[in-house]
Protein backbone atom coordinates (compact mmCIF):
# COMPACT_ATOMS: atom_id res chain seq x y z
CA UNK A 1 0.00 0.00 0.00
CA UNK A 2 1.21 3.46 -0.79
CA UNK A 3 0.79 5.29 2.53
CA UNK A 4 0.84 8.62 0.72
CA UNK A 5 -2.32 7.52 -1.08
CA UNK A 6 -3.85 5.61 1.81
CA UNK A 7 -5.11 3.02 -0.68
CA UNK A 8 -3.24 0.35 -2.62
CA UNK A 9 -2.52 0.69 -6.33
CA UNK A 10 -4.12 -2.73 -6.79
CA UNK A 11 -7.39 -1.53 -5.26
CA UNK A 12 -7.34 1.61 -7.41
CA UNK A 13 -6.84 -0.60 -10.49
CA UNK A 14 -9.78 -2.83 -9.49
CA UNK A 15 -12.06 0.17 -8.99
CA UNK A 16 -11.04 1.71 -12.31
CA UNK A 17 -11.64 -1.57 -14.16
CA UNK A 18 -15.11 -1.83 -12.63
CA UNK A 19 -16.14 1.60 -13.98
CA UNK A 20 -13.99 1.98 -17.12
CA UNK A 21 -15.99 2.61 -20.30
CA UNK A 22 -19.27 3.28 -18.48
CA UNK A 23 -21.08 6.63 -18.44
CA UNK A 24 -19.89 8.65 -15.46
CA UNK A 25 -16.81 6.46 -15.06
CA UNK A 26 -14.68 9.26 -13.69
CA UNK A 27 -17.19 10.36 -11.06
CA UNK A 28 -17.95 6.78 -9.99
CA UNK A 29 -14.26 5.92 -9.83
CA UNK A 30 -13.37 8.94 -7.72
CA UNK A 31 -16.30 8.31 -5.35
CA UNK A 32 -15.34 4.68 -4.79
CA UNK A 33 -11.63 5.40 -4.45
CA UNK A 34 -12.32 8.06 -1.81
CA UNK A 35 -14.77 5.78 -0.01
CA UNK A 36 -12.12 3.04 0.19
CA UNK A 37 -9.36 5.36 1.35
CA UNK A 38 -9.10 5.06 5.15
CA UNK A 39 -8.44 8.81 5.29
CA UNK A 40 -11.49 9.58 3.06
CA UNK A 41 -9.66 11.76 0.56
CA UNK A 42 -8.17 11.87 -2.94
CA UNK A 43 -4.43 12.60 -2.84
CA UNK A 44 -2.75 14.10 -5.90
CA UNK A 45 -0.99 10.78 -6.60
CA UNK A 46 -4.35 9.04 -6.77
CA UNK A 47 -5.75 11.66 -9.16
CA UNK A 48 -2.69 11.22 -11.41
CA UNK A 49 -3.14 7.43 -11.38
CA UNK A 50 -6.85 7.71 -12.22
CA UNK A 51 -6.10 10.13 -15.08
CA UNK A 52 -3.50 7.79 -16.59
CA UNK A 53 -5.61 4.65 -16.22
CA UNK A 54 -8.75 6.27 -17.67
CA UNK A 55 -6.65 7.98 -20.36
CA UNK A 56 -8.01 11.45 -19.61
CA UNK A 57 -6.12 14.65 -18.81
CA UNK A 58 -5.14 15.20 -15.19
CA UNK A 59 -6.71 18.67 -15.43
CA UNK A 60 -10.11 17.08 -16.10
CA UNK A 61 -9.79 14.72 -13.13
CA UNK A 62 -8.68 17.59 -10.89
CA UNK A 63 -11.56 19.77 -12.12
CA UNK A 64 -14.12 17.10 -11.19
CA UNK A 65 -12.46 16.45 -7.81
CA UNK A 66 -12.51 20.15 -6.94
CA UNK A 67 -15.95 20.94 -8.38
CA UNK A 68 -17.96 18.54 -6.21
CA UNK A 69 -17.99 19.40 -2.50
CA UNK A 70 -18.17 15.76 -1.43
CA UNK A 71 -14.64 15.12 -2.67
CA UNK A 72 -11.79 15.82 -0.27
CA UNK A 73 -8.23 16.64 -1.29
CA UNK A 74 -6.93 16.48 2.29
CA UNK A 75 -7.11 13.63 4.83
CA UNK A 76 -10.38 13.66 6.76
CA UNK A 77 -11.07 12.79 10.36
CA UNK A 78 -12.74 9.60 11.50
CA UNK A 79 -15.75 11.69 12.55
CA UNK A 80 -17.39 14.52 10.65
CA UNK A 81 -18.95 17.63 12.20
CA UNK A 82 -20.82 19.93 9.84
CA UNK A 83 -22.30 23.19 11.11
CA UNK A 84 -25.03 24.93 9.12
CA UNK A 85 -24.22 28.58 8.41
CA UNK A 86 -27.50 29.48 6.72
CA UNK A 87 -29.32 32.64 7.78
CA UNK A 88 -31.75 30.96 10.20
CA UNK A 89 -29.00 28.94 11.85
CA UNK A 90 -26.70 31.96 11.98
CA UNK A 91 -29.30 34.12 13.71
CA UNK A 92 -29.95 31.35 16.24
CA UNK A 93 -26.30 30.83 17.15
CA UNK A 94 -24.47 28.59 14.68
CA UNK A 95 -21.43 30.92 14.71
CA UNK A 96 -21.18 30.50 18.47
CA UNK A 97 -21.50 26.71 18.08
CA UNK A 98 -18.68 26.75 15.56
CA UNK A 99 -16.59 28.82 17.98
CA UNK A 100 -17.37 26.27 20.74
CA UNK A 101 -16.16 23.44 18.49
CA UNK A 102 -12.98 25.26 17.60
CA UNK A 103 -12.30 26.04 21.27
CA UNK A 104 -12.94 22.46 22.36
CA UNK A 105 -10.42 21.19 19.79
CA UNK A 106 -7.97 24.07 20.44
CA UNK A 107 -8.12 25.12 16.79
CA UNK A 108 -6.17 28.31 16.24
CA UNK A 109 -7.97 31.40 14.90
CA UNK A 110 -5.61 31.65 11.94
CA UNK A 111 -6.34 28.03 10.96
CA UNK A 112 -10.09 28.53 10.98
CA UNK A 113 -9.83 31.75 8.95
CA UNK A 114 -7.74 30.14 6.20
CA UNK A 115 -9.55 26.82 5.87
CA UNK A 116 -13.10 25.87 4.91
CA UNK A 117 -12.65 22.70 6.91
CA UNK A 118 -10.27 21.62 9.61
CA UNK A 119 -9.14 18.19 10.73
CA UNK A 120 -7.85 17.72 14.25
CA UNK A 121 -4.17 16.67 14.51
CA UNK A 122 -5.22 13.22 15.79
CA UNK A 123 -7.41 12.76 12.65
CA UNK A 124 -10.38 12.06 14.89
CA UNK A 125 -12.62 14.96 13.75
CA UNK A 126 -13.08 17.04 10.62
CA UNK A 127 -15.05 20.24 11.14
CA UNK A 128 -16.66 22.07 8.23
CA UNK A 129 -19.58 24.31 7.42
CA UNK A 130 -22.39 24.09 4.91
CA UNK A 131 -24.45 26.94 3.44
CA UNK A 132 -27.79 25.38 4.43
CA UNK A 133 -29.19 21.99 5.42
CA UNK A 134 -32.74 23.06 4.59
CA UNK A 135 -33.83 22.43 8.20
CA UNK A 136 -34.40 26.11 8.99
CA UNK A 137 -37.41 25.57 11.27
CA UNK A 138 -35.18 23.48 13.56
CA UNK A 139 -32.16 25.78 13.61
CA UNK A 140 -29.39 25.80 14.54
CA UNK A 141 -28.53 22.49 12.92
CA UNK A 142 -25.34 20.44 13.24
CA UNK A 143 -24.62 17.14 11.48
CA UNK A 144 -22.33 14.69 13.25
CA UNK A 145 -21.33 11.53 11.39
CA UNK A 146 -24.31 11.85 9.06
CA UNK A 147 -26.89 12.35 11.81
CA UNK A 148 -28.72 15.69 11.88
CA UNK A 149 -29.12 17.33 15.29
CA UNK A 150 -31.60 20.19 15.49
CA UNK A 151 -32.15 23.07 17.93
CA UNK A 152 -28.55 22.68 19.04
CA UNK A 153 -27.16 24.86 21.82
CA UNK A 154 -23.71 24.83 23.43
CA UNK A 155 -24.69 22.31 26.11
CA UNK A 156 -26.37 19.95 23.62
CA UNK A 157 -23.36 20.18 21.29
CA UNK A 158 -20.94 19.38 24.12
CA UNK A 159 -23.04 16.30 25.01
CA UNK A 160 -23.15 15.13 21.36
CA UNK A 161 -19.36 15.41 21.02
CA UNK A 162 -18.80 13.77 24.41
CA UNK A 163 -21.01 10.84 23.34
CA UNK A 164 -19.08 10.45 20.07
CA UNK A 165 -15.77 10.39 21.95
CA UNK A 166 -17.12 7.88 24.51
CA UNK A 167 -18.47 5.60 21.77
CA UNK A 168 -15.15 5.82 19.95
CA UNK A 169 -13.24 4.96 23.14
CA UNK A 170 -15.60 2.04 23.80
CA UNK A 171 -15.03 0.65 20.28
CA UNK A 172 -11.30 1.11 20.71
CA UNK A 173 -11.38 -0.77 24.04
CA UNK A 174 -13.34 -3.64 22.48
CA UNK A 175 -10.87 -3.83 19.61
CA UNK A 176 -7.92 -3.96 22.01
CA UNK A 177 -9.38 -6.72 24.21
CA UNK A 178 -8.24 -10.24 23.33
CA UNK A 179 -11.05 -12.56 22.29
CA UNK A 180 -11.56 -15.80 24.20
C-alpha atoms as a PDB file:
ATOM      1  CA  UNK A   1       0.000   0.000   0.000  1.00  0.00           C
ATOM      2  CA  UNK A   2       1.208   3.464  -0.792  1.00  0.00           C
ATOM      3  CA  UNK A   3       0.794   5.287   2.535  1.00  0.00           C
ATOM      4  CA  UNK A   4       0.845   8.616   0.717  1.00  0.00           C
ATOM      5  CA  UNK A   5      -2.325   7.516  -1.083  1.00  0.00           C
ATOM      6  CA  UNK A   6      -3.854   5.614   1.810  1.00  0.00           C
ATOM      7  CA  UNK A   7      -5.113   3.020  -0.677  1.00  0.00           C
ATOM      8  CA  UNK A   8      -3.244   0.355  -2.624  1.00  0.00           C
ATOM      9  CA  UNK A   9      -2.516   0.692  -6.326  1.00  0.00           C
ATOM     10  CA  UNK A  10      -4.123  -2.729  -6.794  1.00  0.00           C
ATOM     11  CA  UNK A  11      -7.394  -1.527  -5.260  1.00  0.00           C
ATOM     12  CA  UNK A  12      -7.336   1.608  -7.411  1.00  0.00           C
ATOM     13  CA  UNK A  13      -6.840  -0.601 -10.491  1.00  0.00           C
ATOM     14  CA  UNK A  14      -9.781  -2.833  -9.489  1.00  0.00           C
ATOM     15  CA  UNK A  15     -12.058   0.174  -8.986  1.00  0.00           C
ATOM     16  CA  UNK A  16     -11.038   1.711 -12.308  1.00  0.00           C
ATOM     17  CA  UNK A  17     -11.640  -1.575 -14.159  1.00  0.00           C
ATOM     18  CA  UNK A  18     -15.111  -1.827 -12.631  1.00  0.00           C
ATOM     19  CA  UNK A  19     -16.142   1.598 -13.977  1.00  0.00           C
ATOM     20  CA  UNK A  20     -13.992   1.980 -17.116  1.00  0.00           C
ATOM     21  CA  UNK A  21     -15.988   2.613 -20.301  1.00  0.00           C
ATOM     22  CA  UNK A  22     -19.274   3.275 -18.484  1.00  0.00           C
ATOM     23  CA  UNK A  23     -21.085   6.627 -18.438  1.00  0.00           C
ATOM     24  CA  UNK A  24     -19.894   8.647 -15.465  1.00  0.00           C
ATOM     25  CA  UNK A  25     -16.809   6.456 -15.063  1.00  0.00           C
ATOM     26  CA  UNK A  26     -14.680   9.262 -13.688  1.00  0.00           C
ATOM     27  CA  UNK A  27     -17.186  10.364 -11.056  1.00  0.00           C
ATOM     28  CA  UNK A  28     -17.954   6.783  -9.994  1.00  0.00           C
ATOM     29  CA  UNK A  29     -14.265   5.916  -9.830  1.00  0.00           C
ATOM     30  CA  UNK A  30     -13.373   8.942  -7.715  1.00  0.00           C
ATOM     31  CA  UNK A  31     -16.296   8.305  -5.353  1.00  0.00           C
ATOM     32  CA  UNK A  32     -15.342   4.683  -4.789  1.00  0.00           C
ATOM     33  CA  UNK A  33     -11.628   5.403  -4.452  1.00  0.00           C
ATOM     34  CA  UNK A  34     -12.318   8.065  -1.811  1.00  0.00           C
ATOM     35  CA  UNK A  35     -14.772   5.781  -0.011  1.00  0.00           C
ATOM     36  CA  UNK A  36     -12.124   3.041   0.188  1.00  0.00           C
ATOM     37  CA  UNK A  37      -9.362   5.355   1.348  1.00  0.00           C
ATOM     38  CA  UNK A  38      -9.096   5.063   5.146  1.00  0.00           C
ATOM     39  CA  UNK A  39      -8.441   8.809   5.289  1.00  0.00           C
ATOM     40  CA  UNK A  40     -11.488   9.578   3.063  1.00  0.00           C
ATOM     41  CA  UNK A  41      -9.662  11.759   0.561  1.00  0.00           C
ATOM     42  CA  UNK A  42      -8.166  11.874  -2.940  1.00  0.00           C
ATOM     43  CA  UNK A  43      -4.431  12.600  -2.839  1.00  0.00           C
ATOM     44  CA  UNK A  44      -2.753  14.098  -5.904  1.00  0.00           C
ATOM     45  CA  UNK A  45      -0.986  10.782  -6.601  1.00  0.00           C
ATOM     46  CA  UNK A  46      -4.354   9.039  -6.773  1.00  0.00           C
ATOM     47  CA  UNK A  47      -5.748  11.659  -9.163  1.00  0.00           C
ATOM     48  CA  UNK A  48      -2.693  11.222 -11.410  1.00  0.00           C
ATOM     49  CA  UNK A  49      -3.138   7.429 -11.380  1.00  0.00           C
ATOM     50  CA  UNK A  50      -6.845   7.708 -12.224  1.00  0.00           C
ATOM     51  CA  UNK A  51      -6.101  10.128 -15.079  1.00  0.00           C
ATOM     52  CA  UNK A  52      -3.500   7.786 -16.587  1.00  0.00           C
ATOM     53  CA  UNK A  53      -5.612   4.646 -16.224  1.00  0.00           C
ATOM     54  CA  UNK A  54      -8.749   6.271 -17.666  1.00  0.00           C
ATOM     55  CA  UNK A  55      -6.654   7.980 -20.356  1.00  0.00           C
ATOM     56  CA  UNK A  56      -8.008  11.450 -19.614  1.00  0.00           C
ATOM     57  CA  UNK A  57      -6.121  14.646 -18.809  1.00  0.00           C
ATOM     58  CA  UNK A  58      -5.142  15.204 -15.189  1.00  0.00           C
ATOM     59  CA  UNK A  59      -6.708  18.668 -15.426  1.00  0.00           C
ATOM     60  CA  UNK A  60     -10.111  17.083 -16.100  1.00  0.00           C
ATOM     61  CA  UNK A  61      -9.786  14.719 -13.130  1.00  0.00           C
ATOM     62  CA  UNK A  62      -8.679  17.585 -10.891  1.00  0.00           C
ATOM     63  CA  UNK A  63     -11.564  19.766 -12.123  1.00  0.00           C
ATOM     64  CA  UNK A  64     -14.116  17.102 -11.192  1.00  0.00           C
ATOM     65  CA  UNK A  65     -12.462  16.453  -7.812  1.00  0.00           C
ATOM     66  CA  UNK A  66     -12.511  20.151  -6.936  1.00  0.00           C
ATOM     67  CA  UNK A  67     -15.953  20.939  -8.379  1.00  0.00           C
ATOM     68  CA  UNK A  68     -17.961  18.537  -6.207  1.00  0.00           C
ATOM     69  CA  UNK A  69     -17.992  19.404  -2.504  1.00  0.00           C
ATOM     70  CA  UNK A  70     -18.172  15.760  -1.427  1.00  0.00           C
ATOM     71  CA  UNK A  71     -14.639  15.115  -2.674  1.00  0.00           C
ATOM     72  CA  UNK A  72     -11.790  15.818  -0.275  1.00  0.00           C
ATOM     73  CA  UNK A  73      -8.230  16.640  -1.288  1.00  0.00           C
ATOM     74  CA  UNK A  74      -6.933  16.480   2.291  1.00  0.00           C
ATOM     75  CA  UNK A  75      -7.113  13.635   4.826  1.00  0.00           C
ATOM     76  CA  UNK A  76     -10.381  13.657   6.763  1.00  0.00           C
ATOM     77  CA  UNK A  77     -11.069  12.790  10.363  1.00  0.00           C
ATOM     78  CA  UNK A  78     -12.741   9.604  11.505  1.00  0.00           C
ATOM     79  CA  UNK A  79     -15.749  11.688  12.550  1.00  0.00           C
ATOM     80  CA  UNK A  80     -17.393  14.523  10.648  1.00  0.00           C
ATOM     81  CA  UNK A  81     -18.948  17.627  12.195  1.00  0.00           C
ATOM     82  CA  UNK A  82     -20.822  19.931   9.836  1.00  0.00           C
ATOM     83  CA  UNK A  83     -22.300  23.187  11.113  1.00  0.00           C
ATOM     84  CA  UNK A  84     -25.026  24.929   9.115  1.00  0.00           C
ATOM     85  CA  UNK A  85     -24.218  28.577   8.410  1.00  0.00           C
ATOM     86  CA  UNK A  86     -27.505  29.482   6.724  1.00  0.00           C
ATOM     87  CA  UNK A  87     -29.324  32.639   7.778  1.00  0.00           C
ATOM     88  CA  UNK A  88     -31.755  30.961  10.195  1.00  0.00           C
ATOM     89  CA  UNK A  89     -28.996  28.938  11.852  1.00  0.00           C
ATOM     90  CA  UNK A  90     -26.699  31.956  11.983  1.00  0.00           C
ATOM     91  CA  UNK A  91     -29.300  34.123  13.715  1.00  0.00           C
ATOM     92  CA  UNK A  92     -29.949  31.345  16.241  1.00  0.00           C
ATOM     93  CA  UNK A  93     -26.296  30.827  17.151  1.00  0.00           C
ATOM     94  CA  UNK A  94     -24.467  28.595  14.683  1.00  0.00           C
ATOM     95  CA  UNK A  95     -21.431  30.921  14.712  1.00  0.00           C
ATOM     96  CA  UNK A  96     -21.182  30.500  18.475  1.00  0.00           C
ATOM     97  CA  UNK A  97     -21.503  26.712  18.084  1.00  0.00           C
ATOM     98  CA  UNK A  98     -18.681  26.748  15.560  1.00  0.00           C
ATOM     99  CA  UNK A  99     -16.594  28.820  17.985  1.00  0.00           C
ATOM    100  CA  UNK A 100     -17.367  26.266  20.737  1.00  0.00           C
ATOM    101  CA  UNK A 101     -16.162  23.440  18.492  1.00  0.00           C
ATOM    102  CA  UNK A 102     -12.976  25.265  17.602  1.00  0.00           C
ATOM    103  CA  UNK A 103     -12.301  26.042  21.268  1.00  0.00           C
ATOM    104  CA  UNK A 104     -12.942  22.460  22.358  1.00  0.00           C
ATOM    105  CA  UNK A 105     -10.417  21.190  19.791  1.00  0.00           C
ATOM    106  CA  UNK A 106      -7.973  24.068  20.439  1.00  0.00           C
ATOM    107  CA  UNK A 107      -8.116  25.115  16.789  1.00  0.00           C
ATOM    108  CA  UNK A 108      -6.165  28.311  16.237  1.00  0.00           C
ATOM    109  CA  UNK A 109      -7.973  31.404  14.905  1.00  0.00           C
ATOM    110  CA  UNK A 110      -5.606  31.651  11.939  1.00  0.00           C
ATOM    111  CA  UNK A 111      -6.343  28.029  10.961  1.00  0.00           C
ATOM    112  CA  UNK A 112     -10.085  28.531  10.976  1.00  0.00           C
ATOM    113  CA  UNK A 113      -9.828  31.751   8.953  1.00  0.00           C
ATOM    114  CA  UNK A 114      -7.736  30.145   6.204  1.00  0.00           C
ATOM    115  CA  UNK A 115      -9.549  26.823   5.873  1.00  0.00           C
ATOM    116  CA  UNK A 116     -13.097  25.873   4.912  1.00  0.00           C
ATOM    117  CA  UNK A 117     -12.652  22.704   6.911  1.00  0.00           C
ATOM    118  CA  UNK A 118     -10.270  21.618   9.607  1.00  0.00           C
ATOM    119  CA  UNK A 119      -9.143  18.188  10.728  1.00  0.00           C
ATOM    120  CA  UNK A 120      -7.851  17.721  14.249  1.00  0.00           C
ATOM    121  CA  UNK A 121      -4.175  16.671  14.512  1.00  0.00           C
ATOM    122  CA  UNK A 122      -5.216  13.218  15.786  1.00  0.00           C
ATOM    123  CA  UNK A 123      -7.405  12.761  12.655  1.00  0.00           C
ATOM    124  CA  UNK A 124     -10.384  12.062  14.887  1.00  0.00           C
ATOM    125  CA  UNK A 125     -12.620  14.958  13.746  1.00  0.00           C
ATOM    126  CA  UNK A 126     -13.082  17.036  10.625  1.00  0.00           C
ATOM    127  CA  UNK A 127     -15.053  20.244  11.144  1.00  0.00           C
ATOM    128  CA  UNK A 128     -16.658  22.065   8.232  1.00  0.00           C
ATOM    129  CA  UNK A 129     -19.584  24.308   7.423  1.00  0.00           C
ATOM    130  CA  UNK A 130     -22.394  24.087   4.908  1.00  0.00           C
ATOM    131  CA  UNK A 131     -24.450  26.937   3.442  1.00  0.00           C
ATOM    132  CA  UNK A 132     -27.787  25.380   4.432  1.00  0.00           C
ATOM    133  CA  UNK A 133     -29.192  21.990   5.422  1.00  0.00           C
ATOM    134  CA  UNK A 134     -32.745  23.057   4.591  1.00  0.00           C
ATOM    135  CA  UNK A 135     -33.829  22.431   8.195  1.00  0.00           C
ATOM    136  CA  UNK A 136     -34.397  26.114   8.991  1.00  0.00           C
ATOM    137  CA  UNK A 137     -37.405  25.569  11.271  1.00  0.00           C
ATOM    138  CA  UNK A 138     -35.178  23.484  13.558  1.00  0.00           C
ATOM    139  CA  UNK A 139     -32.161  25.778  13.605  1.00  0.00           C
ATOM    140  CA  UNK A 140     -29.389  25.803  14.541  1.00  0.00           C
ATOM    141  CA  UNK A 141     -28.529  22.490  12.916  1.00  0.00           C
ATOM    142  CA  UNK A 142     -25.340  20.437  13.239  1.00  0.00           C
ATOM    143  CA  UNK A 143     -24.624  17.143  11.484  1.00  0.00           C
ATOM    144  CA  UNK A 144     -22.333  14.693  13.250  1.00  0.00           C
ATOM    145  CA  UNK A 145     -21.331  11.531  11.392  1.00  0.00           C
ATOM    146  CA  UNK A 146     -24.309  11.848   9.058  1.00  0.00           C
ATOM    147  CA  UNK A 147     -26.890  12.350  11.813  1.00  0.00           C
ATOM    148  CA  UNK A 148     -28.722  15.691  11.880  1.00  0.00           C
ATOM    149  CA  UNK A 149     -29.117  17.327  15.290  1.00  0.00           C
ATOM    150  CA  UNK A 150     -31.601  20.193  15.494  1.00  0.00           C
ATOM    151  CA  UNK A 151     -32.152  23.069  17.932  1.00  0.00           C
ATOM    152  CA  UNK A 152     -28.554  22.676  19.045  1.00  0.00           C
ATOM    153  CA  UNK A 153     -27.160  24.857  21.820  1.00  0.00           C
ATOM    154  CA  UNK A 154     -23.709  24.826  23.426  1.00  0.00           C
ATOM    155  CA  UNK A 155     -24.687  22.307  26.111  1.00  0.00           C
ATOM    156  CA  UNK A 156     -26.368  19.951  23.624  1.00  0.00           C
ATOM    157  CA  UNK A 157     -23.358  20.176  21.288  1.00  0.00           C
ATOM    158  CA  UNK A 158     -20.936  19.376  24.118  1.00  0.00           C
ATOM    159  CA  UNK A 159     -23.036  16.304  25.014  1.00  0.00           C
ATOM    160  CA  UNK A 160     -23.148  15.127  21.364  1.00  0.00           C
ATOM    161  CA  UNK A 161     -19.361  15.410  21.020  1.00  0.00           C
ATOM    162  CA  UNK A 162     -18.795  13.773  24.411  1.00  0.00           C
ATOM    163  CA  UNK A 163     -21.014  10.838  23.342  1.00  0.00           C
ATOM    164  CA  UNK A 164     -19.082  10.452  20.071  1.00  0.00           C
ATOM    165  CA  UNK A 165     -15.771  10.393  21.952  1.00  0.00           C
ATOM    166  CA  UNK A 166     -17.118   7.877  24.511  1.00  0.00           C
ATOM    167  CA  UNK A 167     -18.470   5.598  21.771  1.00  0.00           C
ATOM    168  CA  UNK A 168     -15.152   5.819  19.951  1.00  0.00           C
ATOM    169  CA  UNK A 169     -13.238   4.960  23.136  1.00  0.00           C
ATOM    170  CA  UNK A 170     -15.596   2.037  23.801  1.00  0.00           C
ATOM    171  CA  UNK A 171     -15.033   0.652  20.285  1.00  0.00           C
ATOM    172  CA  UNK A 172     -11.298   1.109  20.709  1.00  0.00           C
ATOM    173  CA  UNK A 173     -11.381  -0.767  24.037  1.00  0.00           C
ATOM    174  CA  UNK A 174     -13.338  -3.638  22.477  1.00  0.00           C
ATOM    175  CA  UNK A 175     -10.873  -3.833  19.608  1.00  0.00           C
ATOM    176  CA  UNK A 176      -7.916  -3.961  22.011  1.00  0.00           C
ATOM    177  CA  UNK A 177      -9.378  -6.722  24.212  1.00  0.00           C
ATOM    178  CA  UNK A 178      -8.238 -10.239  23.331  1.00  0.00           C
ATOM    179  CA  UNK A 179     -11.053 -12.557  22.291  1.00  0.00           C
ATOM    180  CA  UNK A 180     -11.560 -15.800  24.203  1.00  0.00           C
END
